[in-house]
Amino acid sequence: MSEQDELKKQVERQAKRMQKAELERPTLLGQTVYVGTLGLLFVLPVIGGAYLGQWLDSLAAGYSIRWTLSMILIGVFIGAVNVYLFIKE
């Protein structure tokens, strides 16, 4: 094969790859949904932990925020793991 044929094949491959990339480009709506999903994956465990901690603190005598803070921190950790696993996928 001549160098010209090889160059022609490379250019054709690159052109096809560029066309495929253009067709598969993420849309604004798709990116918005993706970011919204990441937000929910992080925020929901934090809010759930806050409510659970507040409920546990209400069962204790006197004023206490020990469970609330602990559950919020656990929620932050769980949310971070959720986001990491979602992005990794």
PDB file of N, CA and C in Angstrom:
ATOM      1  N   MET A   1       0.829  -1.182   0.000  1.00  0.00           N
ATOM      2  CA  MET A   1       0.000   0.000   0.000  1.00  0.00           C
ATOM      3  C   MET A   1       0.876   1.249   0.000  1.00  0.00           C
ATOM      4  N   SER A   2       0.420   2.214  -0.692  1.00  0.00           N
ATOM      5  CA  SER A   2       1.199   3.446  -0.750  1.00  0.00           C
ATOM      6  C   SER A   2       0.888   4.312   0.468  1.00  0.00           C
ATOM      7  N   GLU A   3       1.744   5.275   0.661  1.00  0.00           N
ATOM      8  CA  GLU A   3       1.558   6.184   1.793  1.00  0.00           C
ATOM      9  C   GLU A   3       0.277   6.995   1.637  1.00  0.00           C
ATOM     10  N   GLN A   4      -0.069   7.276   0.398  1.00  0.00           N
ATOM     11  CA  GLN A   4      -1.274   8.057   0.130  1.00  0.00           C
ATOM     12  C   GLN A   4      -2.533   7.277   0.549  1.00  0.00           C
ATOM     13  N   ASP A   5      -2.564   5.983   0.285  1.00  0.00           N
ATOM     14  CA  ASP A   5      -3.709   5.162   0.686  1.00  0.00           C
ATOM     15  C   ASP A   5      -3.812   5.068   2.209  1.00  0.00           C
ATOM     16  N   GLU A   6      -2.676   4.922   2.852  1.00  0.00           N
ATOM     17  CA  GLU A   6      -2.649   4.849   4.311  1.00  0.00           C
ATOM     18  C   GLU A   6      -3.138   6.158   4.926  1.00  0.00           C
ATOM     19  N   LEU A   7      -2.676   7.271   4.384  1.00  0.00           N
ATOM     20  CA  LEU A   7      -3.109   8.584   4.868  1.00  0.00           C
ATOM     21  C   LEU A   7      -4.609   8.769   4.660  1.00  0.00           C
ATOM     22  N   LYS A   8      -5.104   8.333   3.539  1.00  0.00           N
ATOM     23  CA  LYS A   8      -6.535   8.443   3.237  1.00  0.00           C
ATOM     24  C   LYS A   8      -7.362   7.644   4.243  1.00  0.00           C
ATOM     25  N   LYS A   9      -6.921   6.440   4.586  1.00  0.00           N
ATOM     26  CA  LYS A   9      -7.637   5.617   5.562  1.00  0.00           C
ATOM     27  C   LYS A   9      -7.635   6.266   6.948  1.00  0.00           C
ATOM     28  N   GLN A  10      -6.510   6.842   7.337  1.00  0.00           N
ATOM     29  CA  GLN A  10      -6.430   7.508   8.632  1.00  0.00           C
ATOM     30  C   GLN A  10      -7.371   8.700   8.699  1.00  0.00           C
ATOM     31  N   VAL A  11      -7.405   9.476   7.649  1.00  0.00           N
ATOM     32  CA  VAL A  11      -8.293  10.640   7.614  1.00  0.00           C
ATOM     33  C   VAL A  11      -9.754  10.205   7.664  1.00  0.00           C
ATOM     34  N   GLU A  12     -10.102   9.146   6.940  1.00  0.00           N
ATOM     35  CA  GLU A  12     -11.473   8.635   6.960  1.00  0.00           C
ATOM     36  C   GLU A  12     -11.855   8.148   8.354  1.00  0.00           C
ATOM     37  N   ARG A  13     -10.936   7.441   9.023  1.00  0.00           N
ATOM     38  CA  ARG A  13     -11.199   6.966  10.389  1.00  0.00           C
ATOM     39  C   ARG A  13     -11.417   8.131  11.344  1.00  0.00           C
ATOM     40  N   GLN A  14     -10.573   9.152  11.238  1.00  0.00           N
ATOM     41  CA  GLN A  14     -10.713  10.308  12.118  1.00  0.00           C
ATOM     42  C   GLN A  14     -12.010  11.066  11.849  1.00  0.00           C
ATOM     43  N   ALA A  15     -12.384  11.165  10.588  1.00  0.00           N
ATOM     44  CA  ALA A  15     -13.641  11.844  10.239  1.00  0.00           C
ATOM     45  C   ALA A  15     -14.836  11.082  10.811  1.00  0.00           C
ATOM     46  N   LYS A  16     -14.820   9.760  10.716  1.00  0.00           N
ATOM     47  CA  LYS A  16     -15.907   8.965  11.282  1.00  0.00           C
ATOM     48  C   LYS A  16     -15.960   9.114  12.804  1.00  0.00           C
ATOM     49  N   ARG A  17     -14.806   9.130  13.438  1.00  0.00           N
ATOM     50  CA  ARG A  17     -14.741   9.293  14.882  1.00  0.00           C
ATOM     51  C   ARG A  17     -15.282  10.654  15.303  1.00  0.00           C
ATOM     52  N   MET A  18     -14.964  11.695  14.538  1.00  0.00           N
ATOM     53  CA  MET A  18     -15.463  13.038  14.845  1.00  0.00           C
ATOM     54  C   MET A  18     -16.979  13.112  14.659  1.00  0.00           C
ATOM     55  N   GLN A  19     -17.506  12.474  13.621  1.00  0.00           N
ATOM     56  CA  GLN A  19     -18.951  12.465  13.400  1.00  0.00           C
ATOM     57  C   GLN A  19     -19.667  11.727  14.539  1.00  0.00           C
ATOM     58  N   LYS A  20     -19.107  10.619  14.959  1.00  0.00           N
ATOM     59  CA  LYS A  20     -19.699   9.856  16.055  1.00  0.00           C
ATOM     60  C   LYS A  20     -19.683  10.671  17.345  1.00  0.00           C
ATOM     61  N   ALA A  21     -18.583  11.370  17.619  1.00  0.00           N
ATOM     62  CA  ALA A  21     -18.484  12.201  18.815  1.00  0.00           C
ATOM     63  C   ALA A  21     -19.498  13.338  18.776  1.00  0.00           C
ATOM     64  N   GLU A  22     -19.722  13.896  17.622  1.00  0.00           N
ATOM     65  CA  GLU A  22     -20.696  14.986  17.478  1.00  0.00           C
ATOM     66  C   GLU A  22     -22.113  14.484  17.753  1.00  0.00           C
ATOM     67  N   LEU A  23     -22.433  13.283  17.302  1.00  0.00           N
ATOM     68  CA  LEU A  23     -23.759  12.727  17.529  1.00  0.00           C
ATOM     69  C   LEU A  23     -23.991  12.352  18.988  1.00  0.00           C
ATOM     70  N   GLU A  24     -22.939  11.934  19.683  1.00  0.00           N
ATOM     71  CA  GLU A  24     -23.062  11.480  21.065  1.00  0.00           C
ATOM     72  C   GLU A  24     -22.791  12.586  22.089  1.00  0.00           C
ATOM     73  N   ARG A  25     -22.697  13.817  21.626  1.00  0.00           N
ATOM     74  CA  ARG A  25     -22.413  14.935  22.527  1.00  0.00           C
ATOM     75  C   ARG A  25     -23.559  15.110  23.512  1.00  0.00           C
ATOM     76  N   PRO A  26     -23.257  15.262  24.810  1.00  0.00           N
ATOM     77  CA  PRO A  26     -24.335  15.413  25.791  1.00  0.00           C
ATOM     78  C   PRO A  26     -25.080  16.743  25.606  1.00  0.00           C
ATOM     79  N   THR A  27     -26.380  16.687  25.806  1.00  0.00           N
ATOM     80  CA  THR A  27     -27.203  17.885  25.661  1.00  0.00           C
ATOM     81  C   THR A  27     -27.264  18.630  26.988  1.00  0.00           C
ATOM     82  N   LEU A  28     -27.767  19.841  26.938  1.00  0.00           N
ATOM     83  CA  LEU A  28     -27.907  20.640  28.151  1.00  0.00           C
ATOM     84  C   LEU A  28     -28.875  19.974  29.123  1.00  0.00           C
ATOM     85  N   LEU A  29     -29.968  19.440  28.598  1.00  0.00           N
ATOM     86  CA  LEU A  29     -30.938  18.753  29.452  1.00  0.00           C
ATOM     87  C   LEU A  29     -30.318  17.518  30.099  1.00  0.00           C
ATOM     88  N   GLY A  30     -29.556  16.767  29.328  1.00  0.00           N
ATOM     89  CA  GLY A  30     -28.900  15.577  29.876  1.00  0.00           C
ATOM     90  C   GLY A  30     -27.907  15.921  30.970  1.00  0.00           C
ATOM     91  N   GLN A  31     -27.146  16.986  30.776  1.00  0.00           N
ATOM     92  CA  GLN A  31     -26.193  17.416  31.799  1.00  0.00           C
ATOM     93  C   GLN A  31     -26.910  17.916  33.043  1.00  0.00           C
ATOM     94  N   THR A  32     -28.030  18.611  32.850  1.00  0.00           N
ATOM     95  CA  THR A  32     -28.794  19.118  33.984  1.00  0.00           C
ATOM     96  C   THR A  32     -29.354  17.962  34.816  1.00  0.00           C
ATOM     97  N   VAL A  33     -29.878  16.954  34.155  1.00  0.00           N
ATOM     98  CA  VAL A  33     -30.404  15.786  34.860  1.00  0.00           C
ATOM     99  C   VAL A  33     -29.280  15.073  35.615  1.00  0.00           C
ATOM    100  N   TYR A  34     -28.125  14.971  34.999  1.00  0.00           N
ATOM    101  CA  TYR A  34     -26.976  14.308  35.629  1.00  0.00           C
ATOM    102  C   TYR A  34     -26.552  15.039  36.905  1.00  0.00           C
ATOM    103  N   VAL A  35     -26.438  16.366  36.820  1.00  0.00           N
ATOM    104  CA  VAL A  35     -26.033  17.152  37.990  1.00  0.00           C
ATOM    105  C   VAL A  35     -27.112  17.102  39.065  1.00  0.00           C
ATOM    106  N   GLY A  36     -28.384  17.128  38.663  1.00  0.00           N
ATOM    107  CA  GLY A  36     -29.474  17.019  39.627  1.00  0.00           C
ATOM    108  C   GLY A  36     -29.463  15.687  40.351  1.00  0.00           C
ATOM    109  N   THR A  37     -29.168  14.627  39.626  1.00  0.00           N
ATOM    110  CA  THR A  37     -29.077  13.308  40.240  1.00  0.00           C
ATOM    111  C   THR A  37     -27.932  13.258  41.245  1.00  0.00           C
ATOM    112  N   LEU A  38     -26.806  13.848  40.885  1.00  0.00           N
ATOM    113  CA  LEU A  38     -25.672  13.889  41.826  1.00  0.00           C
ATOM    114  C   LEU A  38     -26.059  14.640  43.094  1.00  0.00           C
ATOM    115  N   GLY A  39     -26.777  15.751  42.930  1.00  0.00           N
ATOM    116  CA  GLY A  39     -27.207  16.527  44.095  1.00  0.00           C
ATOM    117  C   GLY A  39     -28.119  15.728  45.006  1.00  0.00           C
ATOM    118  N   LEU A  40     -29.081  15.032  44.413  1.00  0.00           N
ATOM    119  CA  LEU A  40     -29.987  14.222  45.230  1.00  0.00           C
ATOM    120  C   LEU A  40     -29.269  13.076  45.917  1.00  0.00           C
ATOM    121  N   LEU A  41     -28.328  12.455  45.214  1.00  0.00           N
ATOM    122  CA  LEU A  41     -27.576  11.353  45.814  1.00  0.00           C
ATOM    123  C   LEU A  41     -26.779  11.807  47.032  1.00  0.00           C
ATOM    124  N   PHE A  42     -26.391  13.072  47.044  1.00  0.00           N
ATOM    125  CA  PHE A  42     -25.622  13.580  48.185  1.00  0.00           C
ATOM    126  C   PHE A  42     -26.525  14.136  49.280  1.00  0.00           C
ATOM    127  N   VAL A  43     -27.545  14.897  48.895  1.00  0.00           N
ATOM    128  CA  VAL A  43     -28.346  15.632  49.878  1.00  0.00           C
ATOM    129  C   VAL A  43     -29.320  14.738  50.635  1.00  0.00           C
ATOM    130  N   LEU A  44     -29.926  13.776  49.973  1.00  0.00           N
ATOM    131  CA  LEU A  44     -30.934  12.954  50.647  1.00  0.00           C
ATOM    132  C   LEU A  44     -30.398  12.186  51.870  1.00  0.00           C
ATOM    133  N   PRO A  45     -29.221  11.564  51.815  1.00  0.00           N
ATOM    134  CA  PRO A  45     -28.721  10.915  53.034  1.00  0.00           C
ATOM    135  C   PRO A  45     -28.424  11.913  54.163  1.00  0.00           C
ATOM    136  N   VAL A  46     -28.005  13.119  53.813  1.00  0.00           N
ATOM    137  CA  VAL A  46     -27.724  14.128  54.841  1.00  0.00           C
ATOM    138  C   VAL A  46     -29.026  14.537  55.530  1.00  0.00           C
ATOM    139  N   ILE A  47     -30.062  14.794  54.747  1.00  0.00           N
ATOM    140  CA  ILE A  47     -31.356  15.189  55.324  1.00  0.00           C
ATOM    141  C   ILE A  47     -31.952  14.036  56.129  1.00  0.00           C
ATOM    142  N   GLY A  48     -31.863  12.840  55.591  1.00  0.00           N
ATOM    143  CA  GLY A  48     -32.354  11.673  56.332  1.00  0.00           C
ATOM    144  C   GLY A  48     -31.623  11.494  57.653  1.00  0.00           C
ATOM    145  N   GLY A  49     -30.321  11.692  57.634  1.00  0.00           N
ATOM    146  CA  GLY A  49     -29.541  11.600  58.867  1.00  0.00           C
ATOM    147  C   GLY A  49     -29.917  12.672  59.863  1.00  0.00           C
ATOM    148  N   ALA A  50     -30.196  13.882  59.386  1.00  0.00           N
ATOM    149  CA  ALA A  50     -30.592  14.965  60.289  1.00  0.00           C
ATOM    150  C   ALA A  50     -31.921  14.641  60.967  1.00  0.00           C
ATOM    151  N   TYR A  51     -32.891  14.157  60.188  1.00  0.00           N
ATOM    152  CA  TYR A  51     -34.190  13.812  60.782  1.00  0.00           C
ATOM    153  C   TYR A  51     -34.074  12.643  61.752  1.00  0.00           C
ATOM    154  N   LEU A  52     -33.317  11.633  61.370  1.00  0.00           N
ATOM    155  CA  LEU A  52     -33.131  10.484  62.267  1.00  0.00           C
ATOM    156  C   LEU A  52     -32.425  10.914  63.549  1.00  0.00           C
ATOM    157  N   GLY A  53     -31.398  11.735  63.425  1.00  0.00           N
ATOM    158  CA  GLY A  53     -30.682  12.215  64.609  1.00  0.00           C
ATOM    159  C   GLY A  53     -31.549  13.073  65.505  1.00  0.00           C
ATOM    160  N   GLN A  54     -32.377  13.917  64.901  1.00  0.00           N
ATOM    161  CA  GLN A  54     -33.274  14.760  65.696  1.00  0.00           C
ATOM    162  C   GLN A  54     -34.287  13.898  66.447  1.00  0.00           C
ATOM    163  N   TRP A  55     -34.781  12.865  65.793  1.00  0.00           N
ATOM    164  CA  TRP A  55     -35.726  11.970  66.451  1.00  0.00           C
ATOM    165  C   TRP A  55     -35.053  11.238  67.618  1.00  0.00           C
ATOM    166  N   LEU A  56     -33.824  10.762  67.397  1.00  0.00           N
ATOM    167  CA  LEU A  56     -33.105  10.084  68.488  1.00  0.00           C
ATOM    168  C   LEU A  56     -32.798  11.040  69.629  1.00  0.00           C
ATOM    169  N   ASP A  57     -32.467  12.288  69.306  1.00  0.00           N
ATOM    170  CA  ASP A  57     -32.208  13.271  70.357  1.00  0.00           C
ATOM    171  C   ASP A  57     -33.482  13.602  71.139  1.00  0.00           C
ATOM    172  N   SER A  58     -34.624  13.569  70.474  1.00  0.00           N
ATOM    173  CA  SER A  58     -35.871  13.871  71.187  1.00  0.00           C
ATOM    174  C   SER A  58     -36.213  12.776  72.192  1.00  0.00           C
ATOM    175  N   LEU A  59     -35.713  11.574  71.990  1.00  0.00           N
ATOM    176  CA  LEU A  59     -35.961  10.487  72.933  1.00  0.00           C
ATOM    177  C   LEU A  59     -35.106  10.627  74.183  1.00  0.00           C
ATOM    178  N   ALA A  60     -33.988  11.343  74.089  1.00  0.00           N
ATOM    179  CA  ALA A  60     -33.095  11.518  75.225  1.00  0.00           C
ATOM    180  C   ALA A  60     -33.621  12.634  76.126  1.00  0.00           C
ATOM    181  N   ALA A  61     -33.328  12.521  77.402  1.00  0.00           N
ATOM    182  CA  ALA A  61     -33.757  13.549  78.357  1.00  0.00           C
ATOM    183  C   ALA A  61     -32.855  14.765  78.234  1.00  0.00           C
ATOM    184  N   GLY A  62     -33.435  15.946  78.304  1.00  0.00           N
ATOM    185  CA  GLY A  62     -32.649  17.173  78.245  1.00  0.00           C
ATOM    186  C   GLY A  62     -32.354  17.587  76.817  1.00  0.00           C
ATOM    187  N   TYR A  63     -31.515  18.607  76.704  1.00  0.00           N
ATOM    188  CA  TYR A  63     -31.164  19.155  75.396  1.00  0.00           C
ATOM    189  C   TYR A  63     -29.912  18.460  74.881  1.00  0.00           C
ATOM    190  N   SER A  64     -30.014  17.871  73.718  1.00  0.00           N
ATOM    191  CA  SER A  64     -28.873  17.158  73.158  1.00  0.00           C
ATOM    192  C   SER A  64     -28.912  17.260  71.640  1.00  0.00           C
ATOM    193  N   ILE A  65     -27.752  17.457  71.049  1.00  0.00           N
ATOM    194  CA  ILE A  65     -27.648  17.440  69.584  1.00  0.00           C
ATOM    195  C   ILE A  65     -26.604  16.414  69.134  1.00  0.00           C
ATOM    196  N   ARG A  66     -26.234  15.568  70.059  1.00  0.00           N
ATOM    197  CA  ARG A  66     -25.185  14.594  69.780  1.00  0.00           C
ATOM    198  C   ARG A  66     -25.569  13.658  68.634  1.00  0.00           C
ATOM    199  N   TRP A  67     -26.769  13.104  68.683  1.00  0.00           N
ATOM    200  CA  TRP A  67     -27.197  12.190  67.629  1.00  0.00           C
ATOM    201  C   TRP A  67     -27.399  12.909  66.308  1.00  0.00           C
ATOM    202  N   THR A  68     -27.922  14.119  66.380  1.00  0.00           N
ATOM    203  CA  THR A  68     -28.162  14.875  65.145  1.00  0.00           C
ATOM    204  C   THR A  68     -26.856  15.109  64.405  1.00  0.00           C
ATOM    205  N   LEU A  69     -25.846  15.588  65.098  1.00  0.00           N
ATOM    206  CA  LEU A  69     -24.553  15.836  64.458  1.00  0.00           C
ATOM    207  C   LEU A  69     -23.928  14.540  63.935  1.00  0.00           C
ATOM    208  N   SER A  70     -24.034  13.491  64.713  1.00  0.00           N
ATOM    209  CA  SER A  70     -23.461  12.211  64.290  1.00  0.00           C
ATOM    210  C   SER A  70     -24.140  11.699  63.026  1.00  0.00           C
ATOM    211  N   MET A  71     -25.456  11.770  62.996  1.00  0.00           N
ATOM    212  CA  MET A  71     -26.190  11.271  61.828  1.00  0.00           C
ATOM    213  C   MET A  71     -25.976  12.154  60.596  1.00  0.00           C
ATOM    214  N   ILE A  72     -25.808  13.452  60.800  1.00  0.00           N
ATOM    215  CA  ILE A  72     -25.506  14.331  59.660  1.00  0.00           C
ATOM    216  C   ILE A  72     -24.142  13.960  59.075  1.00  0.00           C
ATOM    217  N   LEU A  73     -23.161  13.734  59.928  1.00  0.00           N
ATOM    218  CA  LEU A  73     -21.833  13.346  59.440  1.00  0.00           C
ATOM    219  C   LEU A  73     -21.868  11.993  58.730  1.00  0.00           C
ATOM    220  N   ILE A  74     -22.635  11.061  59.264  1.00  0.00           N
ATOM    221  CA  ILE A  74     -22.780   9.771  58.587  1.00  0.00           C
ATOM    222  C   ILE A  74     -23.476   9.959  57.243  1.00  0.00           C
ATOM    223  N   GLY A  75     -24.475  10.846  57.197  1.00  0.00           N
ATOM    224  CA  GLY A  75     -25.163  11.147  55.947  1.00  0.00           C
ATOM    225  C   GLY A  75     -24.239  11.757  54.909  1.00  0.00           C
ATOM    226  N   VAL A  76     -23.332  12.637  55.352  1.00  0.00           N
ATOM    227  CA  VAL A  76     -22.352  13.234  54.435  1.00  0.00           C
ATOM    228  C   VAL A  76     -21.441  12.150  53.873  1.00  0.00           C
ATOM    229  N   PHE A  77     -21.002  11.248  54.718  1.00  0.00           N
ATOM    230  CA  PHE A  77     -20.143  10.158  54.258  1.00  0.00           C
ATOM    231  C   PHE A  77     -20.871   9.261  53.259  1.00  0.00           C
ATOM    232  N   ILE A  78     -22.097   8.875  53.596  1.00  0.00           N
ATOM    233  CA  ILE A  78     -22.876   8.008  52.704  1.00  0.00           C
ATOM    234  C   ILE A  78     -23.152   8.723  51.384  1.00  0.00           C
ATOM    235  N   GLY A  79     -23.472  10.023  51.448  1.00  0.00           N
ATOM    236  CA  GLY A  79     -23.717  10.791  50.231  1.00  0.00           C
ATOM    237  C   GLY A  79     -22.481  10.871  49.352  1.00  0.00           C
ATOM    238  N   ALA A  80     -21.327  11.066  49.964  1.00  0.00           N
ATOM    239  CA  ALA A  80     -20.081  11.130  49.196  1.00  0.00           C
ATOM    240  C   ALA A  80     -19.788   9.794  48.524  1.00  0.00           C
ATOM    241  N   VAL A  81     -20.039   8.705  49.225  1.00  0.00           N
ATOM    242  CA  VAL A  81     -19.835   7.377  48.635  1.00  0.00           C
ATOM    243  C   VAL A  81     -20.813   7.159  47.482  1.00  0.00           C
ATOM    244  N   ASN A  82     -22.075   7.583  47.668  1.00  0.00           N
ATOM    245  CA  ASN A  82     -23.061   7.461  46.590  1.00  0.00           C
ATOM    246  C   ASN A  82     -22.610   8.200  45.339  1.00  0.00           C
ATOM    247  N   VAL A  83     -22.156   9.439  45.517  1.00  0.00           N
ATOM    248  CA  VAL A  83     -21.718  10.241  44.369  1.00  0.00           C
ATOM    249  C   VAL A  83     -20.507   9.602  43.705  1.00  0.00           C
ATOM    250  N   TYR A  84     -19.566   9.128  44.505  1.00  0.00           N
ATOM    251  CA  TYR A  84     -18.374   8.483  43.944  1.00  0.00           C
ATOM    252  C   TYR A  84     -18.750   7.256  43.112  1.00  0.00           C
ATOM    253  N   LEU A  85     -19.618   6.417  43.657  1.00  0.00           N
ATOM    254  CA  LEU A  85     -20.018   5.205  42.930  1.00  0.00           C
ATOM    255  C   LEU A  85     -20.806   5.546  41.673  1.00  0.00           C
ATOM    256  N   PHE A  86     -21.632   6.591  41.716  1.00  0.00           N
ATOM    257  CA  PHE A  86     -22.408   6.989  40.545  1.00  0.00           C
ATOM    258  C   PHE A  86     -21.498   7.516  39.446  1.00  0.00           C
ATOM    259  N   ILE A  87     -20.511   8.322  39.815  1.00  0.00           N
ATOM    260  CA  ILE A  87     -19.580   8.878  38.833  1.00  0.00           C
ATOM    261  C   ILE A  87     -18.693   7.769  38.263  1.00  0.00           C
ATOM    262  N   LYS A  88     -18.274   6.865  39.121  1.00  0.00           N
ATOM    263  CA  LYS A  88     -17.401   5.766  38.683  1.00  0.00           C
ATOM    264  C   LYS A  88     -18.103   4.883  37.656  1.00  0.00           C
ATOM    265  N   GLU A  89     -19.393   4.735  37.800  1.00  0.00           N
ATOM    266  CA  GLU A  89     -20.187   3.914  36.879  1.00  0.00           C
ATOM    267  C   GLU A  89     -20.280   4.604  35.575  1.00  0.00           C
TER     268      GLU A  89
END
